[in-house]
Protein backbone atom coordinates (compact mmCIF):
# COMPACT_ATOMS: atom_id res chain seq x y z
CA UNK A 1 123.72 105.49 83.08
CA UNK A 2 122.20 108.76 84.23
CA UNK A 3 121.87 109.34 87.93
CA UNK A 4 118.44 108.21 89.22
CA UNK A 5 116.02 111.00 90.06
CA UNK A 6 112.93 111.12 92.26
CA UNK A 7 109.65 113.00 92.10
CA UNK A 8 108.81 115.35 94.94
CA UNK A 9 106.54 112.83 96.71
CA UNK A 10 109.36 110.29 97.00
CA UNK A 11 111.91 113.00 97.83
CA UNK A 12 109.65 114.09 100.70
CA UNK A 13 109.18 110.53 101.96
CA UNK A 14 112.88 109.64 101.83
CA UNK A 15 114.15 112.93 103.28
CA UNK A 16 111.43 113.35 105.91
CA UNK A 17 110.72 116.92 104.74
CA UNK A 18 107.08 117.54 103.76
CA UNK A 19 106.31 118.48 100.16
CA UNK A 20 104.95 121.88 101.10
CA UNK A 21 108.06 122.68 103.11
CA UNK A 22 110.35 121.61 100.26
CA UNK A 23 108.52 124.01 97.94
CA UNK A 24 108.65 126.79 100.54
CA UNK A 25 112.39 126.35 101.05
CA UNK A 26 112.92 126.43 97.28
CA UNK A 27 110.80 129.55 96.86
CA UNK A 28 112.10 131.55 99.82
CA UNK A 29 115.71 130.45 100.09
CA UNK A 30 116.64 128.80 96.78
CA UNK A 31 117.62 125.66 98.68
CA UNK A 32 117.22 123.46 95.59
CA UNK A 33 116.66 124.01 91.90
CA UNK A 34 115.10 120.74 90.75
CA UNK A 35 115.06 119.79 87.10
CA UNK A 36 111.77 119.00 85.36
CA UNK A 37 110.75 115.73 83.78
CA UNK A 38 109.28 115.71 80.25
CA UNK A 39 105.88 115.69 81.94
CA UNK A 40 106.71 118.81 83.94
CA UNK A 41 107.28 117.13 87.32
CA UNK A 42 110.01 118.29 89.68
CA UNK A 43 112.85 115.74 89.81
CA UNK A 44 115.40 115.46 92.62
CA UNK A 45 118.78 113.76 92.72
CA UNK A 46 120.22 111.76 95.61
CA UNK A 47 122.41 114.78 96.41
CA UNK A 48 119.26 116.97 96.62
CA UNK A 49 117.75 114.51 99.10
CA UNK A 50 120.93 114.61 101.18
CA UNK A 51 120.68 118.41 101.29
CA UNK A 52 117.09 118.14 102.54
CA UNK A 53 118.05 115.59 105.19
CA UNK A 54 120.87 117.78 106.50
CA UNK A 55 118.72 120.91 106.61
CA UNK A 56 116.00 118.95 108.41
CA UNK A 57 118.54 117.75 110.98
CA UNK A 58 119.81 121.27 111.56
CA UNK A 59 116.32 122.70 112.06
CA UNK A 60 115.43 119.87 114.45
CA UNK A 61 118.53 120.83 116.45
CA UNK A 62 117.14 124.34 116.83
CA UNK A 63 118.89 126.15 113.98
CA UNK A 64 116.56 128.57 112.18
CA UNK A 65 116.20 127.74 108.49
CA UNK A 66 117.35 131.28 107.60
CA UNK A 67 120.62 130.51 109.40
CA UNK A 68 120.89 126.93 108.14
CA UNK A 69 120.79 128.01 104.50
CA UNK A 70 123.95 130.05 105.08
CA UNK A 71 125.70 126.67 105.32
CA UNK A 72 124.41 125.55 101.92
CA UNK A 73 127.78 125.63 100.10
CA UNK A 74 129.24 123.23 102.65
CA UNK A 75 126.07 121.12 102.81
CA UNK A 76 125.92 120.78 99.02
CA UNK A 77 129.59 119.84 98.78
CA UNK A 78 129.18 117.15 101.42
CA UNK A 79 125.96 115.91 99.80
CA UNK A 80 127.71 115.42 96.46
CA UNK A 81 130.28 113.24 98.20
CA UNK A 82 127.62 110.82 99.44
CA UNK A 83 127.87 107.45 97.70
CA UNK A 84 125.62 107.13 94.67
CA UNK A 85 122.49 104.99 95.01
CA UNK A 86 123.16 101.33 94.35
CA UNK A 87 122.82 100.06 90.83
CA UNK A 88 125.15 99.16 88.00
CA UNK A 89 126.98 102.10 86.48
CA UNK A 90 126.34 100.77 83.00
CA UNK A 91 123.07 99.52 81.62
CA UNK A 92 122.57 95.82 82.26
CA UNK A 93 120.03 93.36 80.86
CA UNK A 94 116.86 93.33 82.94
CA UNK A 95 117.52 90.08 84.80
CA UNK A 96 121.08 91.07 85.64
CA UNK A 97 119.85 94.45 86.84
CA UNK A 98 117.26 92.84 89.09
CA UNK A 99 119.83 90.41 90.49
CA UNK A 100 122.22 93.28 91.16
CA UNK A 101 119.53 95.10 93.13
CA UNK A 102 118.60 91.97 95.10
CA UNK A 103 122.22 91.20 95.91
CA UNK A 104 122.91 94.75 97.06
CA UNK A 105 119.76 94.81 99.19
CA UNK A 106 120.90 91.78 101.16
CA UNK A 107 124.49 92.99 101.30
CA UNK A 108 123.36 96.36 102.67
CA UNK A 109 121.02 94.59 105.08
CA UNK A 110 123.88 92.45 106.36
CA UNK A 111 125.83 95.66 107.03
CA UNK A 112 122.70 97.13 108.68
CA UNK A 113 123.09 100.01 106.24
CA UNK A 114 119.61 101.49 106.12
CA UNK A 115 120.60 104.34 103.83
CA UNK A 116 121.88 101.95 101.17
CA UNK A 117 118.86 99.64 101.46
CA UNK A 118 116.62 102.65 100.85
CA UNK A 119 118.81 103.88 97.99
CA UNK A 120 118.56 100.53 96.18
CA UNK A 121 114.77 100.50 96.52
CA UNK A 122 114.46 104.13 95.45
CA UNK A 123 116.52 103.45 92.33
CA UNK A 124 114.28 100.48 91.50
CA UNK A 125 111.10 102.52 92.09
CA UNK A 126 112.43 105.17 89.73
CA UNK A 127 113.30 102.73 86.93
CA UNK A 128 110.47 100.18 87.17
CA UNK A 129 106.70 100.62 86.78
CA UNK A 130 104.81 100.10 90.07
CA UNK A 131 103.65 96.55 89.36
CA UNK A 132 107.04 95.66 87.91
CA UNK A 133 108.68 96.94 91.09
CA UNK A 134 106.58 94.56 93.17
CA UNK A 135 106.49 91.52 90.88
CA UNK A 136 110.07 91.57 89.63
CA UNK A 137 111.90 92.84 92.71
CA UNK A 138 109.86 92.93 95.90
CA UNK A 139 108.13 89.55 95.60
CA UNK A 140 111.40 87.62 94.98
CA UNK A 141 113.10 89.56 97.79
CA UNK A 142 110.28 88.70 100.21
CA UNK A 143 110.53 85.02 99.28
CA UNK A 144 114.27 85.08 99.86
CA UNK A 145 113.82 86.91 103.17
CA UNK A 146 111.49 84.10 104.28
CA UNK A 147 113.90 81.39 103.14
CA UNK A 148 116.87 83.02 104.85
CA UNK A 149 114.83 83.57 108.01
CA UNK A 150 113.83 79.92 108.22
CA UNK A 151 117.39 78.78 107.55
CA UNK A 152 118.74 81.06 110.27
CA UNK A 153 120.95 83.08 107.91
CA UNK A 154 119.02 86.34 108.30
CA UNK A 155 118.87 88.22 111.59
CA UNK A 156 115.78 89.92 113.02
CA UNK A 157 117.40 93.32 112.49
CA UNK A 158 118.16 92.59 108.82
CA UNK A 159 114.63 91.30 108.18
CA UNK A 160 113.02 94.31 109.85
CA UNK A 161 115.31 96.79 108.10
CA UNK A 162 114.56 95.43 104.61
CA UNK A 163 110.86 94.81 105.25
CA UNK A 164 110.21 98.26 106.68
CA UNK A 165 111.98 99.97 103.77
CA UNK A 166 109.87 97.92 101.34
CA UNK A 167 106.71 98.77 103.28
CA UNK A 168 107.37 102.51 103.02
CA UNK A 169 107.78 102.30 99.24
CA UNK A 170 104.63 100.22 98.81
CA UNK A 171 102.65 102.71 100.90
CA UNK A 172 103.85 105.51 98.62
CA UNK A 173 103.02 103.55 95.46
CA UNK A 174 99.53 102.78 96.79
CA UNK A 175 98.98 106.43 97.65
CA UNK A 176 99.74 107.45 94.07
CA UNK A 177 98.05 104.52 92.29
CA UNK A 178 95.01 105.11 90.05
CA UNK A 179 91.78 105.74 91.95
CA UNK A 180 89.21 104.42 89.52
CA UNK A 181 86.25 102.81 91.27
CA UNK A 182 84.72 100.36 88.81
CA UNK A 183 84.86 97.61 91.46
CA UNK A 184 85.50 97.38 95.20
CA UNK A 185 87.77 94.91 97.00
CA UNK A 186 88.44 94.46 100.71
CA UNK A 187 91.98 93.24 101.52
CA UNK A 188 92.79 91.65 104.87
CA UNK A 189 95.07 89.19 106.65
CA UNK A 190 93.67 86.53 108.96
CA UNK A 191 93.52 87.22 112.69
CA UNK A 192 96.99 85.92 113.62
CA UNK A 193 98.67 86.85 110.33
CA UNK A 194 101.10 89.74 110.67
CA UNK A 195 102.84 89.49 107.27
CA UNK A 196 101.03 92.04 105.10
CA UNK A 197 103.58 93.06 102.44
CA UNK A 198 102.29 90.50 99.96
CA UNK A 199 98.76 91.76 100.60
CA UNK A 200 99.97 95.30 99.92
CA UNK A 201 101.30 94.11 96.57
CA UNK A 202 97.91 92.56 95.81
CA UNK A 203 96.20 95.83 96.77
CA UNK A 204 98.51 97.70 94.40
CA UNK A 205 97.56 95.34 91.59
CA UNK A 206 93.85 95.76 92.34
CA UNK A 207 94.22 99.53 92.25
CA UNK A 208 95.81 99.34 88.80
CA UNK A 209 93.01 97.01 87.66
CA UNK A 210 90.35 99.57 88.49
CA UNK A 211 89.33 98.53 92.00
CA UNK A 212 88.61 100.74 94.95
CA UNK A 213 90.57 99.14 97.77
CA UNK A 214 89.64 98.96 101.43
CA UNK A 215 92.85 97.78 103.10
CA UNK A 216 92.51 96.31 106.59
CA UNK A 217 96.00 94.83 106.75
CA UNK A 218 97.47 92.50 109.35
CA UNK A 219 95.68 90.66 112.18
CA UNK A 220 92.10 91.36 111.13
CA UNK A 221 89.58 89.64 113.42
CA UNK A 222 87.11 87.55 111.44
CA UNK A 223 84.08 89.11 113.07
CA UNK A 224 85.31 92.61 112.18
CA UNK A 225 86.05 91.61 108.60
CA UNK A 226 82.60 90.04 108.27
CA UNK A 227 80.96 93.12 109.78
CA UNK A 228 82.65 95.40 107.27
CA UNK A 229 81.78 93.14 104.34
CA UNK A 230 78.10 93.10 105.39
CA UNK A 231 78.16 96.90 105.60
CA UNK A 232 79.91 97.78 102.33
CA UNK A 233 79.09 94.75 100.14
CA UNK A 234 82.34 94.68 98.12
CA UNK A 235 82.71 92.86 94.82
CA UNK A 236 85.55 90.80 96.26
CA UNK A 237 87.31 89.95 99.52
CA UNK A 238 91.03 89.19 99.22
CA UNK A 239 92.54 87.29 102.16
CA UNK A 240 96.26 86.69 102.74
CA UNK A 241 97.66 83.59 104.44
CA UNK A 242 101.40 83.34 104.99
CA UNK A 243 102.23 81.56 108.26
CA UNK A 244 98.98 81.59 110.25
CA UNK A 245 99.12 78.27 112.14
CA UNK A 246 95.34 78.23 112.53
CA UNK A 247 94.58 79.02 108.88
CA UNK A 248 92.31 76.01 108.35
CA UNK A 249 90.17 76.88 111.35
CA UNK A 250 90.06 80.58 110.48
CA UNK A 251 89.19 80.06 106.81
CA UNK A 252 86.32 77.80 107.85
CA UNK A 253 85.11 80.39 110.35
CA UNK A 254 85.40 83.12 107.71
CA UNK A 255 83.21 81.17 105.28
CA UNK A 256 80.55 80.85 107.99
CA UNK A 257 80.71 84.52 108.97
CA UNK A 258 80.56 86.16 105.53
CA UNK A 259 77.25 86.93 103.78
CA UNK A 260 76.16 84.23 101.36
CA UNK A 261 77.50 84.77 97.87
CA UNK A 262 80.57 86.76 98.92
CA UNK A 263 83.42 86.20 96.48
CA UNK A 264 86.66 85.42 98.30
CA UNK A 265 90.18 85.16 96.89
CA UNK A 266 92.86 83.54 99.10
CA UNK A 267 96.54 84.22 98.44
CA UNK A 268 99.93 84.12 100.12
CA UNK A 269 102.57 81.43 100.62
CA UNK A 270 100.42 79.68 103.20
CA UNK A 271 97.40 79.29 100.92
CA UNK A 272 98.61 76.44 98.68
CA UNK A 273 98.71 73.79 101.48
CA UNK A 274 95.01 74.51 102.04
CA UNK A 275 94.00 74.29 98.37
CA UNK A 276 91.43 71.53 98.90
CA UNK A 277 89.82 73.33 101.84
CA UNK A 278 89.72 76.60 99.92
CA UNK A 279 87.92 74.89 97.05
CA UNK A 280 85.51 73.13 99.40
CA UNK A 281 84.59 76.44 101.04
CA UNK A 282 83.78 77.95 97.66
CA UNK A 283 86.74 80.34 97.71
CA UNK A 284 89.22 80.89 94.87
CA UNK A 285 92.98 80.49 95.10
CA UNK A 286 95.26 83.33 94.01
CA UNK A 287 95.65 83.27 90.24
CA UNK A 288 92.18 81.81 89.69
CA UNK A 289 88.95 83.56 88.79
CA UNK A 290 86.82 84.04 91.96
């Protein structure tokens, strides 16, 4: 299998070096010579990203870039020695590939190896379409994170490490998703709900379905959500419920606060136990037509 490559946006996000600076370093100092994809996009290898990270570290330590590039032969040699991103070395059937990524994510998390967690996710982002990345990899991983958390087999550090790496990739995918504006959806979590990764996945899906997305994220007060809905009159309001202990009370309050006729879609792992209430309030459950 060929080594995974990354477009400049992801290379910038992973390395911490801004896109404009990467281009400037290439132009002025020949730091990297990225290949081009069939579509003409710059593509960077994991070794290229390691070079960027090391140059960034040197400049942050006060070394002028003109001096740092004199160390490029050594930096490049060391970068090539960095372990390849996770992933089978030979092509595997899709389900086996996904399982290999999931297993390595949790193994790297258990080692508190942030670099490897990020490498696994970057390889998956490169090989899967955006919605496939979320549906086939991220959603199952988030479910397993929750299960392991509740069973006490996943530490706080492991959960935060994996979740934050996932969040960064979803933010990048959202930033580069289609921006058609046929419809408008407002996405929000309930007031005490801090788990927003599932909502980010829903926002990504809406973007690919032709929606303009207003993303309010975690812990959105009902009165503020209602105020925004009254102001912008979206086609749909998507609400996420995962572990909000007061979900029944808050959903009832939301129904009373929203303008009459507002279409509301409720999703998340905590929505199913409230199915009857959701129906009674006139809302739709995730997977149904609002």
